[in-house]
Amino acid sequence: MKKRLTFLVFALTGLCLTAGCLSSRKNAKPKETTAIAAELEESFRQRWVEKRASELIARGLAADLARTQAFEEFKTKYNFSSTPAR
């Protein structure tokens, strides 16, 4: 009877110590790298500025002035002061 009780105590103690350790393991999600975010921001900036510059050129503004104005509008609208760091 004592062996059975001792075994039961050790079994329950072991179960309490390991309960949830294996089943609560979370899948590791890949973390977003700053290089990917910077690349995406740069791509967005380039596409937005090109589109806006082409709209300004269609209205009769010179190409270099249109690009400068588009870039300034982008900085104001999206609060990006410079190209993201990689």
PDB file of N, CA and C in Angstrom:
ATOM      1  N   MET A   1       0.814  -1.181   0.000  1.00  0.00           N
ATOM      2  CA  MET A   1       0.000   0.000   0.000  1.00  0.00           C
ATOM      3  C   MET A   1       0.870   1.263   0.000  1.00  0.00           C
ATOM      4  N   LYS A   2       1.971   1.249   0.796  1.00  0.00           N
ATOM      5  CA  LYS A   2       2.865   2.404   0.841  1.00  0.00           C
ATOM      6  C   LYS A   2       3.548   2.614  -0.500  1.00  0.00           C
ATOM      7  N   LYS A   3       3.924   1.521  -1.192  1.00  0.00           N
ATOM      8  CA  LYS A   3       4.571   1.647  -2.503  1.00  0.00           C
ATOM      9  C   LYS A   3       3.596   2.263  -3.499  1.00  0.00           C
ATOM     10  N   ARG A   4       2.362   1.853  -3.421  1.00  0.00           N
ATOM     11  CA  ARG A   4       1.354   2.367  -4.347  1.00  0.00           C
ATOM     12  C   ARG A   4       1.106   3.863  -4.067  1.00  0.00           C
ATOM     13  N   LEU A   5       1.016   4.235  -2.791  1.00  0.00           N
ATOM     14  CA  LEU A   5       0.801   5.616  -2.410  1.00  0.00           C
ATOM     15  C   LEU A   5       2.003   6.484  -2.803  1.00  0.00           C
ATOM     16  N   THR A   6       3.207   5.977  -2.586  1.00  0.00           N
ATOM     17  CA  THR A   6       4.423   6.692  -2.972  1.00  0.00           C
ATOM     18  C   THR A   6       4.474   6.883  -4.487  1.00  0.00           C
ATOM     19  N   PHE A   7       4.167   5.834  -5.212  1.00  0.00           N
ATOM     20  CA  PHE A   7       4.141   5.926  -6.677  1.00  0.00           C
ATOM     21  C   PHE A   7       3.110   6.952  -7.127  1.00  0.00           C
ATOM     22  N   LEU A   8       1.927   6.925  -6.510  1.00  0.00           N
ATOM     23  CA  LEU A   8       0.861   7.854  -6.867  1.00  0.00           C
ATOM     24  C   LEU A   8       1.278   9.302  -6.588  1.00  0.00           C
ATOM     25  N   VAL A   9       1.937   9.546  -5.461  1.00  0.00           N
ATOM     26  CA  VAL A   9       2.407  10.894  -5.126  1.00  0.00           C
ATOM     27  C   VAL A   9       3.435  11.374  -6.150  1.00  0.00           C
ATOM     28  N   PHE A  10       4.392  10.517  -6.489  1.00  0.00           N
ATOM     29  CA  PHE A  10       5.400  10.896  -7.487  1.00  0.00           C
ATOM     30  C   PHE A  10       4.779  11.097  -8.868  1.00  0.00           C
ATOM     31  N   ALA A  11       3.838  10.258  -9.218  1.00  0.00           N
ATOM     32  CA  ALA A  11       3.172  10.383 -10.515  1.00  0.00           C
ATOM     33  C   ALA A  11       2.393  11.692 -10.593  1.00  0.00           C
ATOM     34  N   LEU A  12       1.666  12.026  -9.551  1.00  0.00           N
ATOM     35  CA  LEU A  12       0.898  13.270  -9.545  1.00  0.00           C
ATOM     36  C   LEU A  12       1.823  14.496  -9.529  1.00  0.00           C
ATOM     37  N   THR A  13       2.899  14.411  -8.782  1.00  0.00           N
ATOM     38  CA  THR A  13       3.867  15.513  -8.750  1.00  0.00           C
ATOM     39  C   THR A  13       4.481  15.719 -10.133  1.00  0.00           C
ATOM     40  N   GLY A  14       4.872  14.647 -10.759  1.00  0.00           N
ATOM     41  CA  GLY A  14       5.434  14.738 -12.104  1.00  0.00           C
ATOM     42  C   GLY A  14       4.437  15.279 -13.103  1.00  0.00           C
ATOM     43  N   LEU A  15       3.189  14.850 -12.975  1.00  0.00           N
ATOM     44  CA  LEU A  15       2.140  15.326 -13.871  1.00  0.00           C
ATOM     45  C   LEU A  15       1.891  16.820 -13.676  1.00  0.00           C
ATOM     46  N   CYS A  16       1.890  17.268 -12.422  1.00  0.00           N
ATOM     47  CA  CYS A  16       1.679  18.696 -12.148  1.00  0.00           C
ATOM     48  C   CYS A  16       2.832  19.552 -12.674  1.00  0.00           C
ATOM     49  N   LEU A  17       4.032  19.042 -12.582  1.00  0.00           N
ATOM     50  CA  LEU A  17       5.189  19.816 -13.035  1.00  0.00           C
ATOM     51  C   LEU A  17       5.280  19.909 -14.549  1.00  0.00           C
ATOM     52  N   THR A  18       4.778  18.901 -15.244  1.00  0.00           N
ATOM     53  CA  THR A  18       4.886  18.902 -16.703  1.00  0.00           C
ATOM     54  C   THR A  18       3.579  19.229 -17.391  1.00  0.00           C
ATOM     55  N   ALA A  19       2.512  19.396 -16.656  1.00  0.00           N
ATOM     56  CA  ALA A  19       1.207  19.657 -17.269  1.00  0.00           C
ATOM     57  C   ALA A  19       1.257  20.985 -18.023  1.00  0.00           C
ATOM     58  N   GLY A  20       0.884  20.951 -19.252  1.00  0.00           N
ATOM     59  CA  GLY A  20       0.827  22.157 -20.053  1.00  0.00           C
ATOM     60  C   GLY A  20       2.110  22.526 -20.750  1.00  0.00           C
ATOM     61  N   CYS A  21       3.221  21.983 -20.349  1.00  0.00           N
ATOM     62  CA  CYS A  21       4.490  22.350 -20.961  1.00  0.00           C
ATOM     63  C   CYS A  21       4.534  21.934 -22.430  1.00  0.00           C
ATOM     64  N   LEU A  22       4.050  20.760 -22.714  1.00  0.00           N
ATOM     65  CA  LEU A  22       4.101  20.268 -24.084  1.00  0.00           C
ATOM     66  C   LEU A  22       2.928  20.776 -24.914  1.00  0.00           C
ATOM     67  N   SER A  23       1.779  20.908 -24.283  1.00  0.00           N
ATOM     68  CA  SER A  23       0.605  21.298 -25.048  1.00  0.00           C
ATOM     69  C   SER A  23       0.512  22.808 -25.249  1.00  0.00           C
ATOM     70  N   SER A  24       1.180  23.591 -24.436  1.00  0.00           N
ATOM     71  CA  SER A  24       1.077  25.045 -24.569  1.00  0.00           C
ATOM     72  C   SER A  24       2.201  25.643 -25.409  1.00  0.00           C
ATOM     73  N   ARG A  25       2.957  24.815 -26.032  1.00  0.00           N
ATOM     74  CA  ARG A  25       4.060  25.311 -26.852  1.00  0.00           C
ATOM     75  C   ARG A  25       3.499  26.094 -28.038  1.00  0.00           C
ATOM     76  N   LYS A  26       3.950  27.309 -28.191  1.00  0.00           N
ATOM     77  CA  LYS A  26       3.460  28.170 -29.270  1.00  0.00           C
ATOM     78  C   LYS A  26       4.329  27.990 -30.502  1.00  0.00           C
ATOM     79  N   ASN A  27       3.685  28.113 -31.634  1.00  0.00           N
ATOM     80  CA  ASN A  27       4.439  28.076 -32.887  1.00  0.00           C
ATOM     81  C   ASN A  27       5.191  29.390 -33.031  1.00  0.00           C
ATOM     82  N   ALA A  28       6.432  29.280 -33.353  1.00  0.00           N
ATOM     83  CA  ALA A  28       7.253  30.481 -33.515  1.00  0.00           C
ATOM     84  C   ALA A  28       6.895  31.146 -34.841  1.00  0.00           C
ATOM     85  N   LYS A  29       6.402  32.377 -34.759  1.00  0.00           N
ATOM     86  CA  LYS A  29       6.082  33.132 -35.963  1.00  0.00           C
ATOM     87  C   LYS A  29       7.348  33.842 -36.421  1.00  0.00           C
ATOM     88  N   PRO A  30       7.556  33.878 -37.707  1.00  0.00           N
ATOM     89  CA  PRO A  30       8.730  34.624 -38.164  1.00  0.00           C
ATOM     90  C   PRO A  30       8.530  36.108 -37.875  1.00  0.00           C
ATOM     91  N   LYS A  31       9.537  36.726 -37.313  1.00  0.00           N
ATOM     92  CA  LYS A  31       9.450  38.142 -36.990  1.00  0.00           C
ATOM     93  C   LYS A  31       9.703  38.972 -38.238  1.00  0.00           C
ATOM     94  N   GLU A  32       8.986  40.078 -38.310  1.00  0.00           N
ATOM     95  CA  GLU A  32       9.166  40.977 -39.442  1.00  0.00           C
ATOM     96  C   GLU A  32      10.529  41.636 -39.321  1.00  0.00           C
ATOM     97  N   THR A  33      11.273  41.559 -40.381  1.00  0.00           N
ATOM     98  CA  THR A  33      12.593  42.176 -40.347  1.00  0.00           C
ATOM     99  C   THR A  33      12.483  43.625 -40.797  1.00  0.00           C
ATOM    100  N   THR A  34      13.382  44.443 -40.313  1.00  0.00           N
ATOM    101  CA  THR A  34      13.347  45.852 -40.694  1.00  0.00           C
ATOM    102  C   THR A  34      13.711  46.029 -42.160  1.00  0.00           C
ATOM    103  N   ALA A  35      14.476  45.089 -42.707  1.00  0.00           N
ATOM    104  CA  ALA A  35      14.853  45.204 -44.120  1.00  0.00           C
ATOM    105  C   ALA A  35      13.628  45.055 -45.016  1.00  0.00           C
ATOM    106  N   ILE A  36      12.738  44.131 -44.664  1.00  0.00           N
ATOM    107  CA  ILE A  36      11.532  43.935 -45.466  1.00  0.00           C
ATOM    108  C   ILE A  36      10.623  45.156 -45.352  1.00  0.00           C
ATOM    109  N   ALA A  37      10.462  45.668 -44.144  1.00  0.00           N
ATOM    110  CA  ALA A  37       9.627  46.852 -43.946  1.00  0.00           C
ATOM    111  C   ALA A  37      10.200  48.052 -44.682  1.00  0.00           C
ATOM    112  N   ALA A  38      11.493  48.221 -44.621  1.00  0.00           N
ATOM    113  CA  ALA A  38      12.136  49.347 -45.307  1.00  0.00           C
ATOM    114  C   ALA A  38      11.984  49.222 -46.816  1.00  0.00           C
ATOM    115  N   GLU A  39      12.118  48.012 -47.315  1.00  0.00           N
ATOM    116  CA  GLU A  39      11.972  47.786 -48.752  1.00  0.00           C
ATOM    117  C   GLU A  39      10.544  48.090 -49.202  1.00  0.00           C
ATOM    118  N   LEU A  40       9.577  47.687 -48.408  1.00  0.00           N
ATOM    119  CA  LEU A  40       8.176  47.949 -48.729  1.00  0.00           C
ATOM    120  C   LEU A  40       7.874  49.444 -48.693  1.00  0.00           C
ATOM    121  N   GLU A  41       8.369  50.140 -47.674  1.00  0.00           N
ATOM    122  CA  GLU A  41       8.163  51.582 -47.586  1.00  0.00           C
ATOM    123  C   GLU A  41       8.802  52.307 -48.762  1.00  0.00           C
ATOM    124  N   GLU A  42      10.004  51.894 -49.132  1.00  0.00           N
ATOM    125  CA  GLU A  42      10.702  52.522 -50.261  1.00  0.00           C
ATOM    126  C   GLU A  42       9.935  52.291 -51.562  1.00  0.00           C
ATOM    127  N   SER A  43       9.442  51.085 -51.741  1.00  0.00           N
ATOM    128  CA  SER A  43       8.672  50.761 -52.939  1.00  0.00           C
ATOM    129  C   SER A  43       7.407  51.610 -53.003  1.00  0.00           C
ATOM    130  N   PHE A  44       6.712  51.729 -51.883  1.00  0.00           N
ATOM    131  CA  PHE A  44       5.500  52.553 -51.830  1.00  0.00           C
ATOM    132  C   PHE A  44       5.821  54.005 -52.150  1.00  0.00           C
ATOM    133  N   ARG A  45       6.896  54.519 -51.558  1.00  0.00           N
ATOM    134  CA  ARG A  45       7.280  55.910 -51.805  1.00  0.00           C
ATOM    135  C   ARG A  45       7.562  56.152 -53.282  1.00  0.00           C
ATOM    136  N   GLN A  46       8.328  55.271 -53.886  1.00  0.00           N
ATOM    137  CA  GLN A  46       8.677  55.431 -55.296  1.00  0.00           C
ATOM    138  C   GLN A  46       7.434  55.404 -56.184  1.00  0.00           C
ATOM    139  N   ARG A  47       6.540  54.447 -55.939  1.00  0.00           N
ATOM    140  CA  ARG A  47       5.334  54.347 -56.770  1.00  0.00           C
ATOM    141  C   ARG A  47       4.436  55.559 -56.589  1.00  0.00           C
ATOM    142  N   TRP A  48       4.282  56.028 -55.328  1.00  0.00           N
ATOM    143  CA  TRP A  48       3.414  57.160 -55.066  1.00  0.00           C
ATOM    144  C   TRP A  48       3.958  58.421 -55.710  1.00  0.00           C
ATOM    145  N   VAL A  49       5.254  58.656 -55.556  1.00  0.00           N
ATOM    146  CA  VAL A  49       5.875  59.858 -56.123  1.00  0.00           C
ATOM    147  C   VAL A  49       5.792  59.822 -57.644  1.00  0.00           C
ATOM    148  N   GLU A  50       6.050  58.682 -58.256  1.00  0.00           N
ATOM    149  CA  GLU A  50       5.964  58.580 -59.722  1.00  0.00           C
ATOM    150  C   GLU A  50       4.552  58.853 -60.219  1.00  0.00           C
ATOM    151  N   LYS A  51       3.560  58.316 -59.534  1.00  0.00           N
ATOM    152  CA  LYS A  51       2.168  58.530 -59.947  1.00  0.00           C
ATOM    153  C   LYS A  51       1.789  59.996 -59.811  1.00  0.00           C
ATOM    154  N   ARG A  52       2.127  60.589 -58.672  1.00  0.00           N
ATOM    155  CA  ARG A  52       1.779  61.992 -58.445  1.00  0.00           C
ATOM    156  C   ARG A  52       2.544  62.906 -59.396  1.00  0.00           C
ATOM    157  N   ALA A  53       3.795  62.592 -59.657  1.00  0.00           N
ATOM    158  CA  ALA A  53       4.577  63.405 -60.601  1.00  0.00           C
ATOM    159  C   ALA A  53       3.969  63.344 -61.995  1.00  0.00           C
ATOM    160  N   SER A  54       3.521  62.168 -62.408  1.00  0.00           N
ATOM    161  CA  SER A  54       2.906  62.059 -63.744  1.00  0.00           C
ATOM    162  C   SER A  54       1.603  62.856 -63.806  1.00  0.00           C
ATOM    163  N   GLU A  55       0.856  62.915 -62.699  1.00  0.00           N
ATOM    164  CA  GLU A  55      -0.358  63.743 -62.671  1.00  0.00           C
ATOM    165  C   GLU A  55      -0.005  65.219 -62.803  1.00  0.00           C
ATOM    166  N   LEU A  56       1.047  65.634 -62.128  1.00  0.00           N
ATOM    167  CA  LEU A  56       1.458  67.041 -62.187  1.00  0.00           C
ATOM    168  C   LEU A  56       2.010  67.393 -63.567  1.00  0.00           C
ATOM    169  N   ILE A  57       2.732  66.468 -64.178  1.00  0.00           N
ATOM    170  CA  ILE A  57       3.252  66.696 -65.528  1.00  0.00           C
ATOM    171  C   ILE A  57       2.099  66.830 -66.517  1.00  0.00           C
ATOM    172  N   ALA A  58       1.063  66.010 -66.344  1.00  0.00           N
ATOM    173  CA  ALA A  58      -0.106  66.084 -67.218  1.00  0.00           C
ATOM    174  C   ALA A  58      -0.816  67.433 -67.080  1.00  0.00           C
ATOM    175  N   ARG A  59      -0.676  68.084 -65.949  1.00  0.00           N
ATOM    176  CA  ARG A  59      -1.265  69.411 -65.742  1.00  0.00           C
ATOM    177  C   ARG A  59      -0.387  70.526 -66.279  1.00  0.00           C
ATOM    178  N   GLY A  60       0.823  70.184 -66.773  1.00  0.00           N
ATOM    179  CA  GLY A  60       1.663  71.179 -67.411  1.00  0.00           C
ATOM    180  C   GLY A  60       2.882  71.604 -66.616  1.00  0.00           C
ATOM    181  N   LEU A  61       3.156  70.972 -65.491  1.00  0.00           N
ATOM    182  CA  LEU A  61       4.327  71.319 -64.685  1.00  0.00           C
ATOM    183  C   LEU A  61       5.563  70.641 -65.284  1.00  0.00           C
ATOM    184  N   ALA A  62       6.706  71.283 -65.183  1.00  0.00           N
ATOM    185  CA  ALA A  62       7.957  70.704 -65.678  1.00  0.00           C
ATOM    186  C   ALA A  62       8.279  69.435 -64.887  1.00  0.00           C
ATOM    187  N   ALA A  63       8.955  68.488 -65.553  1.00  0.00           N
ATOM    188  CA  ALA A  63       9.190  67.166 -64.971  1.00  0.00           C
ATOM    189  C   ALA A  63       9.972  67.228 -63.660  1.00  0.00           C
ATOM    190  N   ASP A  64      11.048  68.022 -63.628  1.00  0.00           N
ATOM    191  CA  ASP A  64      11.850  68.083 -62.395  1.00  0.00           C
ATOM    192  C   ASP A  64      11.088  68.763 -61.261  1.00  0.00           C
ATOM    193  N   LEU A  65      10.323  69.799 -61.581  1.00  0.00           N
ATOM    194  CA  LEU A  65       9.514  70.471 -60.558  1.00  0.00           C
ATOM    195  C   LEU A  65       8.378  69.569 -60.078  1.00  0.00           C
ATOM    196  N   ALA A  66       7.810  68.808 -61.002  1.00  0.00           N
ATOM    197  CA  ALA A  66       6.719  67.898 -60.644  1.00  0.00           C
ATOM    198  C   ALA A  66       7.208  66.821 -59.686  1.00  0.00           C
ATOM    199  N   ARG A  67       8.373  66.284 -59.958  1.00  0.00           N
ATOM    200  CA  ARG A  67       8.925  65.244 -59.090  1.00  0.00           C
ATOM    201  C   ARG A  67       9.261  65.802 -57.707  1.00  0.00           C
ATOM    202  N   THR A  68       9.841  66.997 -57.667  1.00  0.00           N
ATOM    203  CA  THR A  68      10.163  67.627 -56.382  1.00  0.00           C
ATOM    204  C   THR A  68       8.893  67.910 -55.580  1.00  0.00           C
ATOM    205  N   GLN A  69       7.880  68.445 -56.255  1.00  0.00           N
ATOM    206  CA  GLN A  69       6.622  68.735 -55.565  1.00  0.00           C
ATOM    207  C   GLN A  69       5.959  67.451 -55.089  1.00  0.00           C
ATOM    208  N   ALA A  70       5.986  66.397 -55.892  1.00  0.00           N
ATOM    209  CA  ALA A  70       5.390  65.122 -55.504  1.00  0.00           C
ATOM    210  C   ALA A  70       6.090  64.558 -54.274  1.00  0.00           C
ATOM    211  N   PHE A  71       7.410  64.655 -54.245  1.00  0.00           N
ATOM    212  CA  PHE A  71       8.154  64.150 -53.093  1.00  0.00           C
ATOM    213  C   PHE A  71       7.823  64.944 -51.839  1.00  0.00           C
ATOM    214  N   GLU A  72       7.702  66.261 -51.956  1.00  0.00           N
ATOM    215  CA  GLU A  72       7.344  67.103 -50.809  1.00  0.00           C
ATOM    216  C   GLU A  72       5.929  66.784 -50.327  1.00  0.00           C
ATOM    217  N   GLU A  73       5.006  66.565 -51.254  1.00  0.00           N
ATOM    218  CA  GLU A  73       3.643  66.200 -50.874  1.00  0.00           C
ATOM    219  C   GLU A  73       3.633  64.856 -50.151  1.00  0.00           C
ATOM    220  N   PHE A  74       4.445  63.930 -50.618  1.00  0.00           N
ATOM    221  CA  PHE A  74       4.529  62.615 -49.972  1.00  0.00           C
ATOM    222  C   PHE A  74       5.029  62.766 -48.535  1.00  0.00           C
ATOM    223  N   LYS A  75       6.082  63.548 -48.349  1.00  0.00           N
ATOM    224  CA  LYS A  75       6.635  63.747 -46.998  1.00  0.00           C
ATOM    225  C   LYS A  75       5.591  64.365 -46.080  1.00  0.00           C
ATOM    226  N   THR A  76       4.828  65.311 -46.593  1.00  0.00           N
ATOM    227  CA  THR A  76       3.806  65.967 -45.787  1.00  0.00           C
ATOM    228  C   THR A  76       2.648  65.024 -45.477  1.00  0.00           C
ATOM    229  N   LYS A  77       2.192  64.315 -46.492  1.00  0.00           N
ATOM    230  CA  LYS A  77       1.017  63.463 -46.337  1.00  0.00           C
ATOM    231  C   LYS A  77       1.291  62.237 -45.484  1.00  0.00           C
ATOM    232  N   TYR A  78       2.438  61.588 -45.679  1.00  0.00           N
ATOM    233  CA  TYR A  78       2.730  60.335 -44.983  1.00  0.00           C
ATOM    234  C   TYR A  78       3.775  60.472 -43.888  1.00  0.00           C
ATOM    235  N   ASN A  79       4.249  61.677 -43.651  1.00  0.00           N
ATOM    236  CA  ASN A  79       5.165  61.965 -42.561  1.00  0.00           C
ATOM    237  C   ASN A  79       6.457  61.135 -42.633  1.00  0.00           C
ATOM    238  N   PHE A  80       6.941  60.907 -43.830  1.00  0.00           N
ATOM    239  CA  PHE A  80       8.239  60.250 -44.025  1.00  0.00           C
ATOM    240  C   PHE A  80       9.218  61.340 -44.415  1.00  0.00           C
ATOM    241  N   SER A  81      10.227  61.537 -43.593  1.00  0.00           N
ATOM    242  CA  SER A  81      11.167  62.621 -43.870  1.00  0.00           C
ATOM    243  C   SER A  81      12.308  62.186 -44.779  1.00  0.00           C
ATOM    244  N   SER A  82      12.588  60.878 -44.788  1.00  0.00           N
ATOM    245  CA  SER A  82      13.679  60.397 -45.623  1.00  0.00           C
ATOM    246  C   SER A  82      13.440  58.948 -45.968  1.00  0.00           C
ATOM    247  N   THR A  83      14.332  58.411 -46.778  1.00  0.00           N
ATOM    248  CA  THR A  83      14.263  57.008 -47.131  1.00  0.00           C
ATOM    249  C   THR A  83      14.494  56.150 -45.898  1.00  0.00           C
ATOM    250  N   PRO A  84      13.686  55.092 -45.669  1.00  0.00           N
ATOM    251  CA  PRO A  84      13.866  54.263 -44.476  1.00  0.00           C
ATOM    252  C   PRO A  84      15.242  53.623 -44.428  1.00  0.00           C
ATOM    253  N   ALA A  85      15.782  53.480 -43.242  1.00  0.00           N
ATOM    254  CA  ALA A  85      17.089  52.836 -43.064  1.00  0.00           C
ATOM    255  C   ALA A  85      16.967  51.339 -43.232  1.00  0.00           C
ATOM    256  N   ARG A  86      17.973  50.746 -43.836  1.00  0.00           N
ATOM    257  CA  ARG A  86      17.930  49.298 -44.059  1.00  0.00           C
ATOM    258  C   ARG A  86      18.771  48.597 -43.063  1.00  0.00           C
TER     259      ARG A  86
END
